[in-house]
């Protein structure tokens, strides 16, 4: 195989797709460059031309997951009403978590490689968090409030942890054992968003 041109790029993309498939089908513990090579039917050394180690290929698929997640959040509606826009991002967060469980697990349920060695992975993760902070900042501004970065970070963490927890519950096996009515499950996201909005704004109105 040529070391330049489309063939080389195709192998890199094939390695990434195969690594993602391994994690999805067999779990992170089964991911190795040797297994990637075996599935692709190439020499054991071929993936190493693109990825020096298992951590490097894992960091790349995680970075791509964060990039897709951030793009999905950023594409949520912007109406000019800061509270509505924040609520729209919350809905987008939950939808992505439920529609893309493997990506979501890679981002938030996987032991990640050392961030210092994989700056692109962390850049994408921070970008997603920055998008959340941007909309929260707009909510604060719309209410005539100005908070320091520490308060903004804490508010963002509060929103994130609430939506993350709800996503985990709605997608988890334990929920079926609780026996909640379908109506409760269907309205849970909007109820959570309303309570988040009320908590942040000190209002019963919510978002």
Foldseek 3Di string as FASTA:
>chain_A
DDCDDDVVVVLQVQLLVLQLVCCVPPNPVPRFLQVSCVVVVHDSCSNCSPAVTSQRSLLVNLLVLLQVLLVQLVPFDDDPQLQVNLLSSLVSNLVCCQVPVSNVCSNPVDPHDDCVVRVSSVVSNVSSLVSNLVSVCVVCVVVVHDDDPVVSSVLSVVSVVLSVVLSCLVPDPCVVVVPDDPVCNVCVSVVSQQVSQCVVPVDNRGD
